[in-house]
Amino acid sequence: TGQTRAIAAALALSLLFHLTAMAYVYVSSRAFGVALPARTLLVIVPVIMFISSLPITIGGLGLFEWAFFFTFGASGAGGSPGLLVGLLVRANSLLFSLWGGIVYAVRGVGRGGAGRAS
């Protein structure tokens, strides 16, 4: 049925999203010489995402970085490298958001930009 296909598609996209996030954390951690096994990343990345989504701080500021510190420390990789990875991921996110904001400001809405209504 249509519902079964929609659920299967949602599960597949969710799996793809989480595997991509895991790869991103892996590559970011390698930048600091930390090589976590895939099975460890399969556990800590969803935990990081869950912790950072809790509505405790504005925009997850500080909580996101603490989640990296805590999970990397608990996995044996060390809290300090975890904090560095969290800060790198946050910096990348801010950099790409800034770039997107510049593109949005230049293209604008209603002048052929992505926000133009049909």
PDB file of N, CA and C in Angstrom:
ATOM      1  N   THR A   1       0.842  -1.195   0.000  1.00  0.00           N
ATOM      2  CA  THR A   1       0.000   0.000   0.000  1.00  0.00           C
ATOM      3  C   THR A   1       0.876   1.243   0.000  1.00  0.00           C
ATOM      4  N   GLY A   2       0.206   2.388  -0.109  1.00  0.00           N
ATOM      5  CA  GLY A   2       0.922   3.658  -0.120  1.00  0.00           C
ATOM      6  C   GLY A   2       1.594   3.964   1.207  1.00  0.00           C
ATOM      7  N   GLN A   3       0.935   3.586   2.307  1.00  0.00           N
ATOM      8  CA  GLN A   3       1.519   3.840   3.630  1.00  0.00           C
ATOM      9  C   GLN A   3       2.784   3.012   3.838  1.00  0.00           C
ATOM     10  N   THR A   4       2.761   1.786   3.414  1.00  0.00           N
ATOM     11  CA  THR A   4       3.930   0.922   3.573  1.00  0.00           C
ATOM     12  C   THR A   4       5.107   1.464   2.782  1.00  0.00           C
ATOM     13  N   ARG A   5       4.843   1.915   1.571  1.00  0.00           N
ATOM     14  CA  ARG A   5       5.921   2.506   0.761  1.00  0.00           C
ATOM     15  C   ARG A   5       6.448   3.789   1.388  1.00  0.00           C
ATOM     16  N   ALA A   6       5.560   4.601   1.932  1.00  0.00           N
ATOM     17  CA  ALA A   6       5.985   5.850   2.571  1.00  0.00           C
ATOM     18  C   ALA A   6       6.844   5.567   3.804  1.00  0.00           C
ATOM     19  N   ILE A   7       6.456   4.582   4.588  1.00  0.00           N
ATOM     20  CA  ILE A   7       7.234   4.216   5.772  1.00  0.00           C
ATOM     21  C   ILE A   7       8.591   3.651   5.362  1.00  0.00           C
ATOM     22  N   ALA A   8       8.612   2.803   4.340  1.00  0.00           N
ATOM     23  CA  ALA A   8       9.875   2.238   3.853  1.00  0.00           C
ATOM     24  C   ALA A   8      10.791   3.335   3.326  1.00  0.00           C
ATOM     25  N   ALA A   9      10.229   4.299   2.608  1.00  0.00           N
ATOM     26  CA  ALA A   9      11.029   5.414   2.090  1.00  0.00           C
ATOM     27  C   ALA A   9      11.574   6.267   3.232  1.00  0.00           C
ATOM     28  N   ALA A  10      10.737   6.520   4.235  1.00  0.00           N
ATOM     29  CA  ALA A  10      11.185   7.315   5.387  1.00  0.00           C
ATOM     30  C   ALA A  10      12.307   6.603   6.135  1.00  0.00           C
ATOM     31  N   LEU A  11      12.183   5.302   6.322  1.00  0.00           N
ATOM     32  CA  LEU A  11      13.228   4.530   6.992  1.00  0.00           C
ATOM     33  C   LEU A  11      14.518   4.528   6.185  1.00  0.00           C
ATOM     34  N   ALA A  12      14.404   4.382   4.873  1.00  0.00           N
ATOM     35  CA  ALA A  12      15.593   4.386   4.020  1.00  0.00           C
ATOM     36  C   ALA A  12      16.288   5.746   4.051  1.00  0.00           C
ATOM     37  N   LEU A  13      15.516   6.813   3.981  1.00  0.00           N
ATOM     38  CA  LEU A  13      16.107   8.156   4.037  1.00  0.00           C
ATOM     39  C   LEU A  13      16.725   8.438   5.402  1.00  0.00           C
ATOM     40  N   SER A  14      16.080   7.960   6.451  1.00  0.00           N
ATOM     41  CA  SER A  14      16.626   8.122   7.794  1.00  0.00           C
ATOM     42  C   SER A  14      17.949   7.380   7.934  1.00  0.00           C
ATOM     43  N   LEU A  15      18.007   6.163   7.423  1.00  0.00           N
ATOM     44  CA  LEU A  15      19.245   5.393   7.462  1.00  0.00           C
ATOM     45  C   LEU A  15      20.341   6.106   6.674  1.00  0.00           C
ATOM     46  N   LEU A  16      20.015   6.601   5.498  1.00  0.00           N
ATOM     47  CA  LEU A  16      20.982   7.340   4.684  1.00  0.00           C
ATOM     48  C   LEU A  16      21.479   8.583   5.418  1.00  0.00           C
ATOM     49  N   PHE A  17      20.555   9.310   6.041  1.00  0.00           N
ATOM     50  CA  PHE A  17      20.918  10.514   6.801  1.00  0.00           C
ATOM     51  C   PHE A  17      21.891  10.176   7.923  1.00  0.00           C
ATOM     52  N   HIS A  18      21.575   9.143   8.699  1.00  0.00           N
ATOM     53  CA  HIS A  18      22.426   8.789   9.833  1.00  0.00           C
ATOM     54  C   HIS A  18      23.780   8.235   9.390  1.00  0.00           C
ATOM     55  N   LEU A  19      23.811   7.476   8.313  1.00  0.00           N
ATOM     56  CA  LEU A  19      25.086   6.989   7.800  1.00  0.00           C
ATOM     57  C   LEU A  19      25.945   8.142   7.276  1.00  0.00           C
ATOM     58  N   THR A  20      25.301   9.124   6.660  1.00  0.00           N
ATOM     59  CA  THR A  20      26.029  10.304   6.191  1.00  0.00           C
ATOM     60  C   THR A  20      26.581  11.097   7.376  1.00  0.00           C
ATOM     61  N   ALA A  21      25.786  11.251   8.417  1.00  0.00           N
ATOM     62  CA  ALA A  21      26.246  11.946   9.622  1.00  0.00           C
ATOM     63  C   ALA A  21      27.411  11.196  10.257  1.00  0.00           C
ATOM     64  N   MET A  22      27.328   9.879  10.273  1.00  0.00           N
ATOM     65  CA  MET A  22      28.408   9.061  10.816  1.00  0.00           C
ATOM     66  C   MET A  22      29.694   9.269  10.009  1.00  0.00           C
ATOM     67  N   ALA A  23      29.582   9.270   8.688  1.00  0.00           N
ATOM     68  CA  ALA A  23      30.758   9.495   7.836  1.00  0.00           C
ATOM     69  C   ALA A  23      31.340  10.884   8.059  1.00  0.00           C
ATOM     70  N   TYR A  24      30.468  11.872   8.248  1.00  0.00           N
ATOM     71  CA  TYR A  24      30.916  13.247   8.487  1.00  0.00           C
ATOM     72  C   TYR A  24      31.688  13.343   9.801  1.00  0.00           C
ATOM     73  N   VAL A  25      31.182  12.699  10.840  1.00  0.00           N
ATOM     74  CA  VAL A  25      31.878  12.706  12.135  1.00  0.00           C
ATOM     75  C   VAL A  25      33.186  11.928  12.016  1.00  0.00           C
ATOM     76  N   TYR A  26      33.180  10.843  11.271  1.00  0.00           N
ATOM     77  CA  TYR A  26      34.411  10.063  11.073  1.00  0.00           C
ATOM     78  C   TYR A  26      35.487  10.922  10.404  1.00  0.00           C
ATOM     79  N   VAL A  27      35.134  11.582   9.308  1.00  0.00           N
ATOM     80  CA  VAL A  27      36.101  12.415   8.588  1.00  0.00           C
ATOM     81  C   VAL A  27      36.564  13.576   9.468  1.00  0.00           C
ATOM     82  N   SER A  28      35.650  14.175  10.200  1.00  0.00           N
ATOM     83  CA  SER A  28      36.015  15.283  11.084  1.00  0.00           C
ATOM     84  C   SER A  28      36.937  14.813  12.199  1.00  0.00           C
ATOM     85  N   SER A  29      36.691  13.628  12.739  1.00  0.00           N
ATOM     86  CA  SER A  29      37.553  13.122  13.807  1.00  0.00           C
ATOM     87  C   SER A  29      38.934  12.746  13.278  1.00  0.00           C
ATOM     88  N   ARG A  30      38.999  12.272  12.040  1.00  0.00           N
ATOM     89  CA  ARG A  30      40.298  11.951  11.440  1.00  0.00           C
ATOM     90  C   ARG A  30      41.156  13.197  11.283  1.00  0.00           C
ATOM     91  N   ALA A  31      40.526  14.366  11.165  1.00  0.00           N
ATOM     92  CA  ALA A  31      41.283  15.615  11.056  1.00  0.00           C
ATOM     93  C   ALA A  31      42.123  15.865  12.301  1.00  0.00           C
ATOM     94  N   PHE A  32      41.716  15.272  13.431  1.00  0.00           N
ATOM     95  CA  PHE A  32      42.452  15.420  14.685  1.00  0.00           C
ATOM     96  C   PHE A  32      43.157  14.135  15.093  1.00  0.00           C
ATOM     97  N   GLY A  33      43.270  13.204  14.154  1.00  0.00           N
ATOM     98  CA  GLY A  33      44.000  11.980  14.415  1.00  0.00           C
ATOM     99  C   GLY A  33      43.246  10.952  15.238  1.00  0.00           C
ATOM    100  N   VAL A  34      41.947  11.098  15.368  1.00  0.00           N
ATOM    101  CA  VAL A  34      41.135  10.145  16.122  1.00  0.00           C
ATOM    102  C   VAL A  34      40.478   9.198  15.132  1.00  0.00           C
ATOM    103  N   ALA A  35      40.719   7.902  15.328  1.00  0.00           N
ATOM    104  CA  ALA A  35      40.142   6.899  14.425  1.00  0.00           C
ATOM    105  C   ALA A  35      39.193   6.018  15.225  1.00  0.00           C
ATOM    106  N   LEU A  36      37.924   6.389  15.236  1.00  0.00           N
ATOM    107  CA  LEU A  36      36.921   5.588  15.926  1.00  0.00           C
ATOM    108  C   LEU A  36      36.403   4.514  14.976  1.00  0.00           C
ATOM    109  N   PRO A  37      36.207   3.297  15.482  1.00  0.00           N
ATOM    110  CA  PRO A  37      35.650   2.247  14.623  1.00  0.00           C
ATOM    111  C   PRO A  37      34.206   2.560  14.232  1.00  0.00           C
ATOM    112  N   ALA A  38      33.782   2.002  13.121  1.00  0.00           N
ATOM    113  CA  ALA A  38      32.432   2.260  12.607  1.00  0.00           C
ATOM    114  C   ALA A  38      31.367   1.851  13.615  1.00  0.00           C
ATOM    115  N   ARG A  39      31.568   0.749  14.322  1.00  0.00           N
ATOM    116  CA  ARG A  39      30.556   0.307  15.285  1.00  0.00           C
ATOM    117  C   ARG A  39      30.410   1.304  16.431  1.00  0.00           C
ATOM    118  N   THR A  40      31.500   1.970  16.798  1.00  0.00           N
ATOM    119  CA  THR A  40      31.425   3.002  17.834  1.00  0.00           C
ATOM    120  C   THR A  40      30.664   4.204  17.309  1.00  0.00           C
ATOM    121  N   LEU A  41      30.952   4.598  16.077  1.00  0.00           N
ATOM    122  CA  LEU A  41      30.248   5.732  15.478  1.00  0.00           C
ATOM    123  C   LEU A  41      28.766   5.444  15.302  1.00  0.00           C
ATOM    124  N   LEU A  42      28.431   4.190  15.015  1.00  0.00           N
ATOM    125  CA  LEU A  42      27.019   3.821  14.883  1.00  0.00           C
ATOM    126  C   LEU A  42      26.246   4.041  16.182  1.00  0.00           C
ATOM    127  N   VAL A  43      26.959   4.003  17.297  1.00  0.00           N
ATOM    128  CA  VAL A  43      26.319   4.221  18.587  1.00  0.00           C
ATOM    129  C   VAL A  43      26.361   5.694  18.980  1.00  0.00           C
ATOM    130  N   ILE A  44      27.540   6.333  18.879  1.00  0.00           N
ATOM    131  CA  ILE A  44      27.664   7.672  19.442  1.00  0.00           C
ATOM    132  C   ILE A  44      27.036   8.771  18.588  1.00  0.00           C
ATOM    133  N   VAL A  45      27.009   8.608  17.273  1.00  0.00           N
ATOM    134  CA  VAL A  45      26.433   9.674  16.444  1.00  0.00           C
ATOM    135  C   VAL A  45      24.942   9.863  16.718  1.00  0.00           C
ATOM    136  N   PRO A  46      24.123   8.809  16.777  1.00  0.00           N
ATOM    137  CA  PRO A  46      22.721   9.037  17.151  1.00  0.00           C
ATOM    138  C   PRO A  46      22.561   9.601  18.562  1.00  0.00           C
ATOM    139  N   VAL A  47      23.443   9.205  19.477  1.00  0.00           N
ATOM    140  CA  VAL A  47      23.387   9.752  20.840  1.00  0.00           C
ATOM    141  C   VAL A  47      23.693  11.247  20.805  1.00  0.00           C
ATOM    142  N   ILE A  48      24.714  11.631  20.052  1.00  0.00           N
ATOM    143  CA  ILE A  48      25.055  13.051  19.914  1.00  0.00           C
ATOM    144  C   ILE A  48      23.873  13.823  19.329  1.00  0.00           C
ATOM    145  N   MET A  49      23.269  13.262  18.294  1.00  0.00           N
ATOM    146  CA  MET A  49      22.142  13.942  17.644  1.00  0.00           C
ATOM    147  C   MET A  49      20.950  14.068  18.596  1.00  0.00           C
ATOM    148  N   PHE A  50      20.707  13.026  19.397  1.00  0.00           N
ATOM    149  CA  PHE A  50      19.612  13.086  20.359  1.00  0.00           C
ATOM    150  C   PHE A  50      19.883  14.132  21.427  1.00  0.00           C
ATOM    151  N   ILE A  51      21.081  14.098  22.020  1.00  0.00           N
ATOM    152  CA  ILE A  51      21.417  15.050  23.081  1.00  0.00           C
ATOM    153  C   ILE A  51      21.334  16.475  22.562  1.00  0.00           C
ATOM    154  N   SER A  52      21.880  16.705  21.370  1.00  0.00           N
ATOM    155  CA  SER A  52      21.911  18.077  20.852  1.00  0.00           C
ATOM    156  C   SER A  52      20.534  18.576  20.434  1.00  0.00           C
ATOM    157  N   SER A  53      19.562  17.676  20.292  1.00  0.00           N
ATOM    158  CA  SER A  53      18.209  18.106  19.928  1.00  0.00           C
ATOM    159  C   SER A  53      17.348  18.436  21.143  1.00  0.00           C
ATOM    160  N   LEU A  54      17.851  18.183  22.340  1.00  0.00           N
ATOM    161  CA  LEU A  54      17.081  18.489  23.540  1.00  0.00           C
ATOM    162  C   LEU A  54      16.914  20.003  23.681  1.00  0.00           C
ATOM    163  N   PRO A  55      15.727  20.474  23.998  1.00  0.00           N
ATOM    164  CA  PRO A  55      15.477  21.921  24.084  1.00  0.00           C
ATOM    165  C   PRO A  55      15.944  22.520  25.410  1.00  0.00           C
ATOM    166  N   ILE A  56      17.241  22.427  25.647  1.00  0.00           N
ATOM    167  CA  ILE A  56      17.801  22.937  26.902  1.00  0.00           C
ATOM    168  C   ILE A  56      18.474  24.284  26.685  1.00  0.00           C
ATOM    169  N   THR A  57      19.187  24.433  25.581  1.00  0.00           N
ATOM    170  CA  THR A  57      19.877  25.686  25.281  1.00  0.00           C
ATOM    171  C   THR A  57      19.369  26.228  23.954  1.00  0.00           C
ATOM    172  N   ILE A  58      19.631  27.489  23.707  1.00  0.00           N
ATOM    173  CA  ILE A  58      19.199  28.127  22.466  1.00  0.00           C
ATOM    174  C   ILE A  58      20.061  27.597  21.324  1.00  0.00           C
ATOM    175  N   GLY A  59      19.413  26.966  20.364  1.00  0.00           N
ATOM    176  CA  GLY A  59      20.118  26.430  19.210  1.00  0.00           C
ATOM    177  C   GLY A  59      21.063  25.291  19.542  1.00  0.00           C
ATOM    178  N   GLY A  60      20.949  24.733  20.732  1.00  0.00           N
ATOM    179  CA  GLY A  60      21.837  23.648  21.128  1.00  0.00           C
ATOM    180  C   GLY A  60      23.255  24.100  21.397  1.00  0.00           C
ATOM    181  N   LEU A  61      23.473  25.409  21.509  1.00  0.00           N
ATOM    182  CA  LEU A  61      24.825  25.924  21.732  1.00  0.00           C
ATOM    183  C   LEU A  61      25.362  25.401  23.059  1.00  0.00           C
ATOM    184  N   GLY A  62      26.539  24.858  23.020  1.00  0.00           N
ATOM    185  CA  GLY A  62      27.167  24.287  24.192  1.00  0.00           C
ATOM    186  C   GLY A  62      26.756  22.844  24.406  1.00  0.00           C
ATOM    187  N   LEU A  63      25.497  22.559  24.250  1.00  0.00           N
ATOM    188  CA  LEU A  63      24.992  21.201  24.426  1.00  0.00           C
ATOM    189  C   LEU A  63      25.545  20.282  23.340  1.00  0.00           C
ATOM    190  N   PHE A  64      25.582  20.773  22.123  1.00  0.00           N
ATOM    191  CA  PHE A  64      26.119  20.022  20.992  1.00  0.00           C
ATOM    192  C   PHE A  64      27.574  19.655  21.249  1.00  0.00           C
ATOM    193  N   GLU A  65      28.367  20.625  21.660  1.00  0.00           N
ATOM    194  CA  GLU A  65      29.778  20.404  21.912  1.00  0.00           C
ATOM    195  C   GLU A  65      29.975  19.469  23.101  1.00  0.00           C
ATOM    196  N   TRP A  66      29.134  19.640  24.152  1.00  0.00           N
ATOM    197  CA  TRP A  66      29.216  18.765  25.309  1.00  0.00           C
ATOM    198  C   TRP A  66      28.901  17.320  24.919  1.00  0.00           C
ATOM    199  N   ALA A  67      27.948  17.141  24.006  1.00  0.00           N
ATOM    200  CA  ALA A  67      27.588  15.797  23.558  1.00  0.00           C
ATOM    201  C   ALA A  67      28.792  15.110  22.908  1.00  0.00           C
ATOM    202  N   PHE A  68      29.551  15.835  22.124  1.00  0.00           N
ATOM    203  CA  PHE A  68      30.763  15.276  21.532  1.00  0.00           C
ATOM    204  C   PHE A  68      31.781  14.954  22.616  1.00  0.00           C
ATOM    205  N   PHE A  69      31.975  15.892  23.544  1.00  0.00           N
ATOM    206  CA  PHE A  69      32.923  15.692  24.647  1.00  0.00           C
ATOM    207  C   PHE A  69      32.553  14.439  25.439  1.00  0.00           C
ATOM    208  N   PHE A  70      31.290  14.310  25.785  1.00  0.00           N
ATOM    209  CA  PHE A  70      30.817  13.201  26.599  1.00  0.00           C
ATOM    210  C   PHE A  70      30.923  11.862  25.864  1.00  0.00           C
ATOM    211  N   THR A  71      30.418  11.803  24.636  1.00  0.00           N
ATOM    212  CA  THR A  71      30.400  10.521  23.923  1.00  0.00           C
ATOM    213  C   THR A  71      31.796  10.066  23.511  1.00  0.00           C
ATOM    214  N   PHE A  72      32.637  10.989  23.077  1.00  0.00           N
ATOM    215  CA  PHE A  72      34.001  10.600  22.727  1.00  0.00           C
ATOM    216  C   PHE A  72      34.751  10.146  23.972  1.00  0.00           C
ATOM    217  N   GLY A  73      34.529  10.834  25.079  1.00  0.00           N
ATOM    218  CA  GLY A  73      35.159  10.424  26.333  1.00  0.00           C
ATOM    219  C   GLY A  73      34.690   9.051  26.771  1.00  0.00           C
ATOM    220  N   ALA A  74      33.397   8.799  26.676  1.00  0.00           N
ATOM    221  CA  ALA A  74      32.843   7.503  27.067  1.00  0.00           C
ATOM    222  C   ALA A  74      33.311   6.378  26.145  1.00  0.00           C
ATOM    223  N   SER A  75      33.632   6.710  24.903  1.00  0.00           N
ATOM    224  CA  SER A  75      34.079   5.680  23.960  1.00  0.00           C
ATOM    225  C   SER A  75      35.565   5.374  24.094  1.00  0.00           C
ATOM    226  N   GLY A  76      36.262   6.154  24.902  1.00  0.00           N
ATOM    227  CA  GLY A  76      37.691   5.926  25.096  1.00  0.00           C
ATOM    228  C   GLY A  76      38.581   6.777  24.223  1.00  0.00           C
ATOM    229  N   ALA A  77      37.987   7.584  23.349  1.00  0.00           N
ATOM    230  CA  ALA A  77      38.784   8.430  22.453  1.00  0.00           C
ATOM    231  C   ALA A  77      39.262   9.693  23.162  1.00  0.00           C
ATOM    232  N   GLY A  78      38.626  10.047  24.252  1.00  0.00           N
ATOM    233  CA  GLY A  78      39.011  11.240  25.003  1.00  0.00           C
ATOM    234  C   GLY A  78      38.045  12.383  24.771  1.00  0.00           C
ATOM    235  N   GLY A  79      37.752  13.102  25.838  1.00  0.00           N
ATOM    236  CA  GLY A  79      36.815  14.214  25.751  1.00  0.00           C
ATOM    237  C   GLY A  79      37.341  15.388  24.950  1.00  0.00           C
ATOM    238  N   SER A  80      38.637  15.679  25.113  1.00  0.00           N
ATOM    239  CA  SER A  80      39.205  16.834  24.408  1.00  0.00           C
ATOM    240  C   SER A  80      39.143  16.688  22.890  1.00  0.00           C
ATOM    241  N   PRO A  81      39.549  15.538  22.329  1.00  0.00           N
ATOM    242  CA  PRO A  81      39.382  15.389  20.887  1.00  0.00           C
ATOM    243  C   PRO A  81      37.914  15.457  20.472  1.00  0.00           C
ATOM    244  N   GLY A  82      37.042  14.937  21.311  1.00  0.00           N
ATOM    245  CA  GLY A  82      35.613  15.005  21.015  1.00  0.00           C
ATOM    246  C   GLY A  82      35.126  16.440  20.944  1.00  0.00           C
ATOM    247  N   LEU A  83      35.590  17.261  21.890  1.00  0.00           N
ATOM    248  CA  LEU A  83      35.225  18.677  21.875  1.00  0.00           C
ATOM    249  C   LEU A  83      35.744  19.350  20.612  1.00  0.00           C
ATOM    250  N   LEU A  84      36.970  19.040  20.219  1.00  0.00           N
ATOM    251  CA  LEU A  84      37.527  19.619  18.991  1.00  0.00           C
ATOM    252  C   LEU A  84      36.708  19.225  17.767  1.00  0.00           C
ATOM    253  N   VAL A  85      36.298  17.966  17.711  1.00  0.00           N
ATOM    254  CA  VAL A  85      35.477  17.503  16.587  1.00  0.00           C
ATOM    255  C   VAL A  85      34.142  18.247  16.595  1.00  0.00           C
ATOM    256  N   GLY A  86      33.528  18.387  17.773  1.00  0.00           N
ATOM    257  CA  GLY A  86      32.268  19.120  17.884  1.00  0.00           C
ATOM    258  C   GLY A  86      32.404  20.561  17.435  1.00  0.00           C
ATOM    259  N   LEU A  87      33.503  21.194  17.815  1.00  0.00           N
ATOM    260  CA  LEU A  87      33.727  22.582  17.399  1.00  0.00           C
ATOM    261  C   LEU A  87      33.956  22.676  15.892  1.00  0.00           C
ATOM    262  N   LEU A  88      34.658  21.693  15.324  1.00  0.00           N
ATOM    263  CA  LEU A  88      34.873  21.678  13.873  1.00  0.00           C
ATOM    264  C   LEU A  88      33.551  21.506  13.136  1.00  0.00           C
ATOM    265  N   VAL A  89      32.726  20.578  13.603  1.00  0.00           N
ATOM    266  CA  VAL A  89      31.424  20.359  12.966  1.00  0.00           C
ATOM    267  C   VAL A  89      30.565  21.615  13.083  1.00  0.00           C
ATOM    268  N   ARG A  90      30.581  22.265  14.246  1.00  0.00           N
ATOM    269  CA  ARG A  90      29.812  23.511  14.443  1.00  0.00           C
ATOM    270  C   ARG A  90      30.339  24.600  13.520  1.00  0.00           C
ATOM    271  N   ALA A  91      31.669  24.745  13.428  1.00  0.00           N
ATOM    272  CA  ALA A  91      32.259  25.773  12.565  1.00  0.00           C
ATOM    273  C   ALA A  91      31.894  25.534  11.103  1.00  0.00           C
ATOM    274  N   ASN A  92      31.936  24.272  10.669  1.00  0.00           N
ATOM    275  CA  ASN A  92      31.539  23.956   9.290  1.00  0.00           C
ATOM    276  C   ASN A  92      30.088  24.318   9.052  1.00  0.00           C
ATOM    277  N   SER A  93      29.239  24.005  10.001  1.00  0.00           N
ATOM    278  CA  SER A  93      27.819  24.314   9.873  1.00  0.00           C
ATOM    279  C   SER A  93      27.598  25.824   9.755  1.00  0.00           C
ATOM    280  N   LEU A  94      28.281  26.580  10.600  1.00  0.00           N
ATOM    281  CA  LEU A  94      28.142  28.037  10.544  1.00  0.00           C
ATOM    282  C   LEU A  94      28.690  28.607   9.237  1.00  0.00           C
ATOM    283  N   LEU A  95      29.799  28.066   8.769  1.00  0.00           N
ATOM    284  CA  LEU A  95      30.401  28.534   7.527  1.00  0.00           C
ATOM    285  C   LEU A  95      29.477  28.284   6.339  1.00  0.00           C
ATOM    286  N   PHE A  96      28.920  27.077   6.267  1.00  0.00           N
ATOM    287  CA  PHE A  96      28.020  26.766   5.161  1.00  0.00           C
ATOM    288  C   PHE A  96      26.715  27.548   5.265  1.00  0.00           C
ATOM    289  N   SER A  97      26.252  27.799   6.489  1.00  0.00           N
ATOM    290  CA  SER A  97      25.047  28.601   6.667  1.00  0.00           C
ATOM    291  C   SER A  97      25.301  30.037   6.229  1.00  0.00           C
ATOM    292  N   LEU A  98      26.470  30.559   6.569  1.00  0.00           N
ATOM    293  CA  LEU A  98      26.824  31.920   6.161  1.00  0.00           C
ATOM    294  C   LEU A  98      26.882  32.009   4.641  1.00  0.00           C
ATOM    295  N   TRP A  99      27.495  31.024   4.012  1.00  0.00           N
ATOM    296  CA  TRP A  99      27.577  31.002   2.554  1.00  0.00           C
ATOM    297  C   TRP A  99      26.175  30.967   1.948  1.00  0.00           C
ATOM    298  N   GLY A 100      25.298  30.136   2.493  1.00  0.00           N
ATOM    299  CA  GLY A 100      23.923  30.066   2.008  1.00  0.00           C
ATOM    300  C   GLY A 100      23.189  31.377   2.201  1.00  0.00           C
ATOM    301  N   GLY A 101      23.451  32.058   3.325  1.00  0.00           N
ATOM    302  CA  GLY A 101      22.832  33.353   3.568  1.00  0.00           C
ATOM    303  C   GLY A 101      23.288  34.405   2.565  1.00  0.00           C
ATOM    304  N   ILE A 102      24.555  34.354   2.207  1.00  0.00           N
ATOM    305  CA  ILE A 102      25.080  35.301   1.212  1.00  0.00           C
ATOM    306  C   ILE A 102      24.432  35.052  -0.145  1.00  0.00           C
ATOM    307  N   VAL A 103      24.343  33.772  -0.538  1.00  0.00           N
ATOM    308  CA  VAL A 103      23.709  33.429  -1.812  1.00  0.00           C
ATOM    309  C   VAL A 103      22.247  33.871  -1.795  1.00  0.00           C
ATOM    310  N   TYR A 104      21.557  33.627  -0.707  1.00  0.00           N
ATOM    311  CA  TYR A 104      20.151  34.025  -0.580  1.00  0.00           C
ATOM    312  C   TYR A 104      20.008  35.547  -0.670  1.00  0.00           C
ATOM    313  N   ALA A 105      20.903  36.285  -0.015  1.00  0.00           N
ATOM    314  CA  ALA A 105      20.838  37.738  -0.041  1.00  0.00           C
ATOM    315  C   ALA A 105      21.096  38.289  -1.441  1.00  0.00           C
ATOM    316  N   VAL A 106      22.010  37.664  -2.168  1.00  0.00           N
ATOM    317  CA  VAL A 106      22.343  38.135  -3.509  1.00  0.00           C
ATOM    318  C   VAL A 106      21.223  37.810  -4.496  1.00  0.00           C
ATOM    319  N   ARG A 107      20.710  36.565  -4.432  1.00  0.00           N
ATOM    320  CA  ARG A 107      19.656  36.149  -5.369  1.00  0.00           C
ATOM    321  C   ARG A 107      18.305  36.714  -4.977  1.00  0.00           C
ATOM    322  N   GLY A 108      18.050  36.813  -3.706  1.00  0.00           N
ATOM    323  CA  GLY A 108      16.799  37.375  -3.227  1.00  0.00           C
ATOM    324  C   GLY A 108      15.592  36.500  -3.489  1.00  0.00           C
ATOM    325  N   VAL A 109      14.496  36.896  -2.882  1.00  0.00           N
ATOM    326  CA  VAL A 109      13.226  36.194  -3.068  1.00  0.00           C
ATOM    327  C   VAL A 109      12.423  36.956  -4.106  1.00  0.00           C
ATOM    328  N   GLY A 110      11.799  36.226  -5.019  1.00  0.00           N
ATOM    329  CA  GLY A 110      10.966  36.855  -6.017  1.00  0.00           C
ATOM    330  C   GLY A 110      11.726  37.373  -7.222  1.00  0.00           C
ATOM    331  N   ARG A 111      13.035  37.208  -7.231  1.00  0.00           N
ATOM    332  CA  ARG A 111      13.839  37.614  -8.379  1.00  0.00           C
ATOM    333  C   ARG A 111      14.545  36.427  -8.984  1.00  0.00           C
ATOM    334  N   GLY A 112      13.827  35.292  -9.030  1.00  0.00           N
ATOM    335  CA  GLY A 112      14.430  34.092  -9.593  1.00  0.00           C
ATOM    336  C   GLY A 112      15.122  33.251  -8.552  1.00  0.00           C
ATOM    337  N   GLY A 113      15.003  33.632  -7.266  1.00  0.00           N
ATOM    338  CA  GLY A 113      15.632  32.873  -6.193  1.00  0.00           C
ATOM    339  C   GLY A 113      14.847  31.632  -5.862  1.00  0.00           C
ATOM    340  N   ALA A 114      15.402  30.845  -4.960  1.00  0.00           N
ATOM    341  CA  ALA A 114      14.784  29.573  -4.593  1.00  0.00           C
ATOM    342  C   ALA A 114      13.452  29.763  -3.901  1.00  0.00           C
ATOM    343  N   GLY A 115      13.228  30.905  -3.275  1.00  0.00           N
ATOM    344  CA  GLY A 115      12.000  31.133  -2.532  1.00  0.00           C
ATOM    345  C   GLY A 115      10.845  31.674  -3.382  1.00  0.00           C
ATOM    346  N   ARG A 116      11.032  31.713  -4.669  1.00  0.00           N
ATOM    347  CA  ARG A 116      10.014  32.271  -5.571  1.00  0.00           C
ATOM    348  C   ARG A 116       8.809  31.344  -5.680  1.00  0.00           C
ATOM    349  N   ALA A 117       7.647  31.896  -5.477  1.00  0.00           N
ATOM    350  CA  ALA A 117       6.413  31.100  -5.579  1.00  0.00           C
ATOM    351  C   ALA A 117       6.001  30.991  -7.037  1.00  0.00           C
ATOM    352  N   SER A 118       5.434  29.824  -7.405  1.00  0.00           N
ATOM    353  CA  SER A 118       5.001  29.608  -8.786  1.00  0.00           C
ATOM    354  C   SER A 118       3.616  30.139  -9.015  1.00  0.00           C
TER     355      SER A 118
END
